[in-house]
Amino acid sequence: MLKLAVVDISAESRNRLVRKISNFLDSETSGLEFVPRVSVQSLSREELKFSVAPDICLIGEEIVRSDLAEVGTIRRAVPGAAVLVDIGQTNDLAMIEQLARLGADDVMNDDTGAGEFLKKLVLLSRRIRSTRSGKLLVLES
């Protein structure tokens, strides 16, 4: 199961993103069977520190509008997760380039539809699984 954390400043913004994602996952999009099962969790920036690390972290546009550098802070808090940023109605290439420098893996905007979002999920989930490595520690007393 793919763990997706929605992180934003206000609960209203987080709930709006969760509803949008739920609608995408419940849509009648062809090829939906290729999308991994997703559990969506709504978290504030502070709650992110104390929760299990997600596979994908979706950062809401309130964070982007208030402090773009916060994307880098969140990226460092979830080093193994893919970071997807909601940029709202903006398509400013300079801002997207800055987000990439801060560690964003992909962006979505208000025009992103169900099909495009699900494609992003598939690609981001493949990247996550291919970079994971397990470590085994054996202790003898």
N, C-alpha and C. Protein backbone atom coordinates (compact mmCIF):
# COMPACT_ATOMS: atom_id res chain seq x y z
N MET A 1 0.83 -1.17 0.00
CA MET A 1 0.00 0.00 0.00
C MET A 1 0.88 1.24 0.00
N LEU A 2 0.52 2.20 -0.81
CA LEU A 2 1.24 3.45 -0.94
C LEU A 2 0.72 4.44 0.09
N LYS A 3 1.62 4.99 0.91
CA LYS A 3 1.22 5.96 1.94
C LYS A 3 1.46 7.36 1.41
N LEU A 4 0.38 8.13 1.29
CA LEU A 4 0.46 9.49 0.79
C LEU A 4 0.07 10.45 1.92
N ALA A 5 0.95 11.38 2.25
CA ALA A 5 0.68 12.36 3.29
C ALA A 5 0.41 13.70 2.63
N VAL A 6 -0.71 14.32 2.97
CA VAL A 6 -1.05 15.65 2.49
C VAL A 6 -0.67 16.63 3.59
N VAL A 7 0.24 17.55 3.28
CA VAL A 7 0.75 18.50 4.26
C VAL A 7 0.46 19.91 3.79
N ASP A 8 -0.19 20.69 4.65
CA ASP A 8 -0.44 22.09 4.35
C ASP A 8 -0.67 22.83 5.66
N ILE A 9 -0.82 24.13 5.59
CA ILE A 9 -0.94 24.95 6.79
C ILE A 9 -2.30 24.75 7.46
N SER A 10 -3.38 24.97 6.72
CA SER A 10 -4.71 24.90 7.33
C SER A 10 -5.36 23.54 7.10
N ALA A 11 -6.20 23.16 8.05
CA ALA A 11 -6.94 21.91 7.92
C ALA A 11 -7.89 21.97 6.73
N GLU A 12 -8.43 23.14 6.45
CA GLU A 12 -9.35 23.30 5.31
C GLU A 12 -8.64 22.99 3.99
N SER A 13 -7.43 23.49 3.84
CA SER A 13 -6.67 23.23 2.61
C SER A 13 -6.29 21.76 2.50
N ARG A 14 -5.89 21.15 3.62
CA ARG A 14 -5.56 19.72 3.61
C ARG A 14 -6.78 18.89 3.24
N ASN A 15 -7.93 19.21 3.83
CA ASN A 15 -9.15 18.45 3.53
C ASN A 15 -9.58 18.62 2.07
N ARG A 16 -9.38 19.80 1.51
CA ARG A 16 -9.70 20.03 0.09
C ARG A 16 -8.83 19.12 -0.79
N LEU A 17 -7.53 19.02 -0.46
CA LEU A 17 -6.64 18.15 -1.24
C LEU A 17 -6.99 16.68 -1.06
N VAL A 18 -7.34 16.28 0.15
CA VAL A 18 -7.72 14.88 0.41
C VAL A 18 -8.97 14.53 -0.39
N ARG A 19 -9.96 15.43 -0.41
CA ARG A 19 -11.18 15.18 -1.21
C ARG A 19 -10.86 15.08 -2.70
N LYS A 20 -9.97 15.95 -3.16
CA LYS A 20 -9.58 15.93 -4.58
C LYS A 20 -8.91 14.60 -4.93
N ILE A 21 -8.01 14.14 -4.09
CA ILE A 21 -7.32 12.88 -4.32
C ILE A 21 -8.31 11.71 -4.26
N SER A 22 -9.21 11.74 -3.28
CA SER A 22 -10.22 10.69 -3.17
C SER A 22 -11.09 10.63 -4.41
N ASN A 23 -11.46 11.78 -4.94
CA ASN A 23 -12.24 11.81 -6.18
C ASN A 23 -11.45 11.23 -7.34
N PHE A 24 -10.16 11.54 -7.40
CA PHE A 24 -9.31 10.97 -8.45
C PHE A 24 -9.26 9.45 -8.34
N LEU A 25 -9.10 8.95 -7.13
CA LEU A 25 -8.98 7.51 -6.91
C LEU A 25 -10.30 6.78 -7.12
N ASP A 26 -11.43 7.49 -6.97
CA ASP A 26 -12.75 6.89 -7.18
C ASP A 26 -13.27 7.11 -8.59
N SER A 27 -12.49 7.78 -9.42
CA SER A 27 -12.95 8.11 -10.77
C SER A 27 -13.02 6.86 -11.65
N GLU A 28 -13.65 7.01 -12.75
CA GLU A 28 -13.80 5.91 -13.71
C GLU A 28 -12.70 5.96 -14.77
N THR A 29 -11.51 6.35 -14.38
CA THR A 29 -10.38 6.45 -15.30
C THR A 29 -9.94 5.07 -15.75
N SER A 30 -9.70 4.94 -17.04
CA SER A 30 -9.24 3.64 -17.54
C SER A 30 -7.82 3.38 -17.04
N GLY A 31 -7.53 2.15 -16.74
CA GLY A 31 -6.21 1.76 -16.25
C GLY A 31 -6.03 1.95 -14.76
N LEU A 32 -7.12 2.21 -14.05
CA LEU A 32 -7.04 2.43 -12.61
C LEU A 32 -6.48 1.21 -11.87
N GLU A 33 -6.60 0.05 -12.48
CA GLU A 33 -6.10 -1.16 -11.83
C GLU A 33 -4.57 -1.20 -11.74
N PHE A 34 -3.89 -0.31 -12.49
CA PHE A 34 -2.43 -0.27 -12.44
C PHE A 34 -1.90 0.65 -11.35
N VAL A 35 -2.80 1.38 -10.73
CA VAL A 35 -2.41 2.30 -9.66
C VAL A 35 -2.38 1.52 -8.35
N PRO A 36 -1.30 1.63 -7.59
CA PRO A 36 -1.26 0.92 -6.32
C PRO A 36 -2.33 1.44 -5.36
N ARG A 37 -2.71 0.62 -4.41
CA ARG A 37 -3.66 1.08 -3.38
C ARG A 37 -3.01 2.20 -2.60
N VAL A 38 -3.82 3.20 -2.26
CA VAL A 38 -3.28 4.41 -1.63
C VAL A 38 -4.01 4.67 -0.32
N SER A 39 -3.25 4.94 0.73
CA SER A 39 -3.85 5.44 1.97
C SER A 39 -3.43 6.90 2.08
N VAL A 40 -4.40 7.77 2.30
CA VAL A 40 -4.16 9.21 2.35
C VAL A 40 -4.29 9.67 3.78
N GLN A 41 -3.30 10.43 4.24
CA GLN A 41 -3.29 10.94 5.59
C GLN A 41 -3.08 12.45 5.54
N SER A 42 -3.88 13.19 6.26
CA SER A 42 -3.78 14.64 6.33
C SER A 42 -2.96 15.03 7.55
N LEU A 43 -1.87 15.79 7.32
CA LEU A 43 -0.96 16.15 8.41
C LEU A 43 -0.58 17.63 8.35
N SER A 44 -0.40 18.22 9.52
CA SER A 44 0.17 19.56 9.56
C SER A 44 1.69 19.40 9.47
N ARG A 45 2.39 20.51 9.32
CA ARG A 45 3.86 20.43 9.25
C ARG A 45 4.43 19.85 10.54
N GLU A 46 3.84 20.20 11.66
CA GLU A 46 4.33 19.71 12.95
C GLU A 46 4.04 18.22 13.13
N GLU A 47 2.87 17.78 12.69
CA GLU A 47 2.51 16.36 12.81
C GLU A 47 3.37 15.46 11.93
N LEU A 48 3.90 16.00 10.86
CA LEU A 48 4.74 15.22 9.95
C LEU A 48 5.97 14.68 10.67
N LYS A 49 6.49 15.42 11.61
CA LYS A 49 7.68 15.01 12.36
C LYS A 49 7.43 13.76 13.20
N PHE A 50 6.18 13.59 13.66
CA PHE A 50 5.87 12.52 14.59
C PHE A 50 5.12 11.35 13.96
N SER A 51 4.95 11.36 12.66
CA SER A 51 4.22 10.28 11.99
C SER A 51 5.20 9.37 11.24
N VAL A 52 4.69 8.23 10.83
CA VAL A 52 5.48 7.30 10.02
C VAL A 52 5.77 7.97 8.67
N ALA A 53 6.97 7.82 8.20
CA ALA A 53 7.37 8.46 6.95
C ALA A 53 6.50 7.97 5.80
N PRO A 54 5.94 8.89 5.02
CA PRO A 54 5.10 8.50 3.89
C PRO A 54 5.95 8.11 2.68
N ASP A 55 5.31 7.47 1.72
CA ASP A 55 5.98 7.17 0.46
C ASP A 55 5.99 8.40 -0.44
N ILE A 56 4.88 9.14 -0.42
CA ILE A 56 4.75 10.37 -1.19
C ILE A 56 4.21 11.45 -0.27
N CYS A 57 4.81 12.61 -0.32
CA CYS A 57 4.36 13.75 0.48
C CYS A 57 3.83 14.81 -0.49
N LEU A 58 2.55 15.12 -0.38
CA LEU A 58 1.92 16.14 -1.21
C LEU A 58 1.86 17.42 -0.40
N ILE A 59 2.58 18.43 -0.84
CA ILE A 59 2.62 19.72 -0.15
C ILE A 59 1.62 20.65 -0.79
N GLY A 60 0.76 21.24 0.03
CA GLY A 60 -0.30 22.12 -0.45
C GLY A 60 0.19 23.50 -0.84
N GLU A 61 -0.67 24.21 -1.55
CA GLU A 61 -0.26 25.51 -2.10
C GLU A 61 -0.16 26.61 -1.04
N GLU A 62 -0.80 26.46 0.12
CA GLU A 62 -0.66 27.47 1.17
C GLU A 62 0.79 27.55 1.64
N ILE A 63 1.45 26.43 1.76
CA ILE A 63 2.87 26.42 2.15
C ILE A 63 3.70 27.08 1.07
N VAL A 64 3.41 26.78 -0.19
CA VAL A 64 4.16 27.35 -1.30
C VAL A 64 3.99 28.87 -1.32
N ARG A 65 2.77 29.35 -1.10
CA ARG A 65 2.52 30.80 -1.11
C ARG A 65 3.13 31.50 0.09
N SER A 66 3.13 30.86 1.26
CA SER A 66 3.62 31.54 2.46
C SER A 66 5.15 31.52 2.56
N ASP A 67 5.77 30.38 2.29
CA ASP A 67 7.22 30.27 2.43
C ASP A 67 7.73 29.12 1.56
N LEU A 68 8.25 29.46 0.41
CA LEU A 68 8.71 28.46 -0.54
C LEU A 68 9.84 27.59 0.04
N ALA A 69 10.66 28.17 0.92
CA ALA A 69 11.76 27.43 1.52
C ALA A 69 11.28 26.29 2.41
N GLU A 70 10.03 26.34 2.85
CA GLU A 70 9.46 25.29 3.68
C GLU A 70 9.44 23.95 2.93
N VAL A 71 9.39 24.00 1.61
CA VAL A 71 9.43 22.77 0.80
C VAL A 71 10.74 22.02 1.07
N GLY A 72 11.84 22.75 1.15
CA GLY A 72 13.13 22.13 1.45
C GLY A 72 13.17 21.55 2.85
N THR A 73 12.55 22.23 3.80
CA THR A 73 12.49 21.74 5.17
C THR A 73 11.70 20.44 5.24
N ILE A 74 10.58 20.40 4.55
CA ILE A 74 9.76 19.18 4.53
C ILE A 74 10.51 18.07 3.81
N ARG A 75 11.23 18.40 2.74
CA ARG A 75 12.01 17.40 1.99
C ARG A 75 13.03 16.74 2.92
N ARG A 76 13.69 17.54 3.74
CA ARG A 76 14.68 16.98 4.68
C ARG A 76 14.01 16.14 5.77
N ALA A 77 12.77 16.46 6.10
CA ALA A 77 12.05 15.69 7.13
C ALA A 77 11.61 14.33 6.64
N VAL A 78 11.43 14.18 5.32
CA VAL A 78 11.00 12.90 4.73
C VAL A 78 11.97 12.53 3.60
N PRO A 79 13.21 12.17 3.93
CA PRO A 79 14.23 11.97 2.89
C PRO A 79 13.95 10.83 1.92
N GLY A 80 13.23 9.81 2.33
CA GLY A 80 12.97 8.68 1.44
C GLY A 80 11.70 8.81 0.63
N ALA A 81 10.95 9.87 0.85
CA ALA A 81 9.66 10.04 0.18
C ALA A 81 9.80 10.88 -1.08
N ALA A 82 8.91 10.64 -2.01
CA ALA A 82 8.79 11.52 -3.17
C ALA A 82 7.99 12.73 -2.74
N VAL A 83 8.36 13.90 -3.25
CA VAL A 83 7.67 15.14 -2.88
C VAL A 83 6.94 15.69 -4.09
N LEU A 84 5.62 15.79 -3.95
CA LEU A 84 4.74 16.33 -4.98
C LEU A 84 4.18 17.64 -4.43
N VAL A 85 4.25 18.71 -5.23
CA VAL A 85 3.84 20.03 -4.75
C VAL A 85 2.65 20.53 -5.55
N ASP A 86 1.61 20.96 -4.83
CA ASP A 86 0.44 21.58 -5.46
C ASP A 86 0.75 23.06 -5.61
N ILE A 87 0.81 23.55 -6.85
CA ILE A 87 1.16 24.95 -7.09
C ILE A 87 -0.06 25.80 -7.42
N GLY A 88 -1.25 25.24 -7.25
CA GLY A 88 -2.47 26.02 -7.47
C GLY A 88 -2.67 26.38 -8.93
N GLN A 89 -2.92 27.65 -9.19
CA GLN A 89 -3.18 28.11 -10.56
C GLN A 89 -1.92 28.56 -11.27
N THR A 90 -0.81 28.60 -10.57
CA THR A 90 0.45 29.09 -11.12
C THR A 90 1.08 28.07 -12.06
N ASN A 91 1.69 28.57 -13.11
CA ASN A 91 2.51 27.73 -13.99
C ASN A 91 3.83 28.44 -14.26
N ASP A 92 4.31 29.20 -13.27
CA ASP A 92 5.53 29.98 -13.39
C ASP A 92 6.74 29.04 -13.42
N LEU A 93 7.45 29.04 -14.53
CA LEU A 93 8.59 28.14 -14.70
C LEU A 93 9.70 28.44 -13.70
N ALA A 94 9.90 29.71 -13.35
CA ALA A 94 10.93 30.06 -12.37
C ALA A 94 10.61 29.45 -11.00
N MET A 95 9.35 29.46 -10.62
CA MET A 95 8.96 28.88 -9.33
C MET A 95 9.12 27.35 -9.37
N ILE A 96 8.77 26.74 -10.48
CA ILE A 96 8.92 25.28 -10.61
C ILE A 96 10.39 24.90 -10.53
N GLU A 97 11.26 25.71 -11.14
CA GLU A 97 12.69 25.44 -11.08
C GLU A 97 13.19 25.57 -9.64
N GLN A 98 12.71 26.58 -8.92
CA GLN A 98 13.08 26.76 -7.52
C GLN A 98 12.61 25.59 -6.67
N LEU A 99 11.38 25.10 -6.93
CA LEU A 99 10.86 23.94 -6.21
C LEU A 99 11.73 22.71 -6.48
N ALA A 100 12.19 22.55 -7.71
CA ALA A 100 13.07 21.43 -8.04
C ALA A 100 14.37 21.52 -7.25
N ARG A 101 14.91 22.72 -7.12
CA ARG A 101 16.14 22.91 -6.34
C ARG A 101 15.93 22.60 -4.86
N LEU A 102 14.71 22.84 -4.39
CA LEU A 102 14.40 22.57 -2.98
C LEU A 102 14.06 21.11 -2.72
N GLY A 103 13.97 20.29 -3.78
CA GLY A 103 13.76 18.86 -3.59
C GLY A 103 12.44 18.32 -4.06
N ALA A 104 11.61 19.14 -4.72
CA ALA A 104 10.34 18.63 -5.23
C ALA A 104 10.60 17.68 -6.40
N ASP A 105 9.88 16.57 -6.42
CA ASP A 105 10.02 15.60 -7.51
C ASP A 105 9.06 15.89 -8.65
N ASP A 106 7.92 16.49 -8.35
CA ASP A 106 6.92 16.78 -9.38
C ASP A 106 5.97 17.83 -8.84
N VAL A 107 5.20 18.44 -9.74
CA VAL A 107 4.20 19.43 -9.34
C VAL A 107 2.87 19.08 -9.96
N MET A 108 1.82 19.58 -9.34
CA MET A 108 0.49 19.50 -9.90
C MET A 108 -0.17 20.85 -9.70
N ASN A 109 -1.13 21.18 -10.54
CA ASN A 109 -1.84 22.45 -10.38
C ASN A 109 -3.34 22.21 -10.41
N ASP A 110 -4.10 23.29 -10.41
CA ASP A 110 -5.56 23.16 -10.37
C ASP A 110 -6.11 22.49 -11.63
N ASP A 111 -5.37 22.54 -12.72
CA ASP A 111 -5.81 21.92 -13.97
C ASP A 111 -5.49 20.43 -14.07
N THR A 112 -4.76 19.90 -13.10
CA THR A 112 -4.40 18.49 -13.11
C THR A 112 -5.65 17.64 -12.93
N GLY A 113 -5.90 16.77 -13.89
CA GLY A 113 -7.06 15.90 -13.83
C GLY A 113 -6.73 14.56 -13.21
N ALA A 114 -7.75 13.71 -13.12
CA ALA A 114 -7.58 12.40 -12.51
C ALA A 114 -6.54 11.57 -13.24
N GLY A 115 -6.62 11.52 -14.56
CA GLY A 115 -5.69 10.71 -15.34
C GLY A 115 -4.25 11.13 -15.14
N GLU A 116 -4.00 12.43 -15.19
CA GLU A 116 -2.64 12.94 -15.02
C GLU A 116 -2.12 12.69 -13.61
N PHE A 117 -2.97 12.89 -12.60
CA PHE A 117 -2.56 12.65 -11.22
C PHE A 117 -2.22 11.17 -11.01
N LEU A 118 -3.04 10.29 -11.54
CA LEU A 118 -2.79 8.86 -11.37
C LEU A 118 -1.50 8.44 -12.08
N LYS A 119 -1.19 9.06 -13.22
CA LYS A 119 0.09 8.79 -13.89
C LYS A 119 1.25 9.20 -12.99
N LYS A 120 1.11 10.36 -12.34
CA LYS A 120 2.16 10.81 -11.43
C LYS A 120 2.34 9.82 -10.28
N LEU A 121 1.23 9.32 -9.74
CA LEU A 121 1.32 8.34 -8.65
C LEU A 121 2.06 7.09 -9.08
N VAL A 122 1.72 6.58 -10.26
CA VAL A 122 2.38 5.37 -10.76
C VAL A 122 3.88 5.59 -10.91
N LEU A 123 4.26 6.70 -11.54
CA LEU A 123 5.69 6.96 -11.76
C LEU A 123 6.43 7.21 -10.45
N LEU A 124 5.83 7.98 -9.55
CA LEU A 124 6.49 8.24 -8.28
C LEU A 124 6.59 6.98 -7.43
N SER A 125 5.58 6.13 -7.47
CA SER A 125 5.63 4.89 -6.68
C SER A 125 6.69 3.94 -7.23
N ARG A 126 6.89 3.92 -8.54
CA ARG A 126 7.94 3.07 -9.13
C ARG A 126 9.32 3.54 -8.71
N ARG A 127 9.52 4.85 -8.69
CA ARG A 127 10.81 5.41 -8.31
C ARG A 127 11.12 5.10 -6.86
N ILE A 128 10.10 5.16 -6.02
CA ILE A 128 10.28 4.89 -4.59
C ILE A 128 10.71 3.44 -4.37
N ARG A 129 10.00 2.54 -4.99
CA ARG A 129 10.29 1.11 -4.79
C ARG A 129 11.66 0.73 -5.33
N SER A 130 12.10 1.38 -6.40
CA SER A 130 13.38 1.00 -6.99
C SER A 130 14.57 1.52 -6.18
N THR A 131 14.35 2.56 -5.34
CA THR A 131 15.47 3.12 -4.59
C THR A 131 15.56 2.59 -3.17
N ARG A 132 14.58 1.86 -2.73
CA ARG A 132 14.61 1.35 -1.36
C ARG A 132 15.60 0.20 -1.23
N SER A 133 16.28 0.18 -0.12
CA SER A 133 17.16 -0.95 0.17
C SER A 133 17.01 -1.28 1.64
N GLY A 134 17.01 -2.55 1.93
CA GLY A 134 16.87 -2.97 3.32
C GLY A 134 18.23 -3.19 3.95
N LYS A 135 18.26 -3.03 5.25
CA LYS A 135 19.49 -3.28 5.99
C LYS A 135 19.15 -4.25 7.11
N LEU A 136 20.00 -5.19 7.29
CA LEU A 136 19.81 -6.19 8.33
C LEU A 136 20.89 -5.99 9.37
N LEU A 137 20.49 -5.83 10.62
CA LEU A 137 21.44 -5.70 11.72
C LEU A 137 21.31 -6.94 12.59
N VAL A 138 22.39 -7.58 12.84
CA VAL A 138 22.42 -8.75 13.70
C VAL A 138 23.25 -8.40 14.93
N LEU A 139 22.65 -8.56 16.08
CA LEU A 139 23.36 -8.28 17.33
C LEU A 139 23.52 -9.58 18.10
N GLU A 140 24.70 -9.76 18.63
CA GLU A 140 24.97 -10.95 19.42
C GLU A 140 25.43 -10.50 20.79
N SER A 141 24.87 -11.10 21.81
CA SER A 141 25.27 -10.69 23.15
C SER A 141 26.01 -11.81 23.86
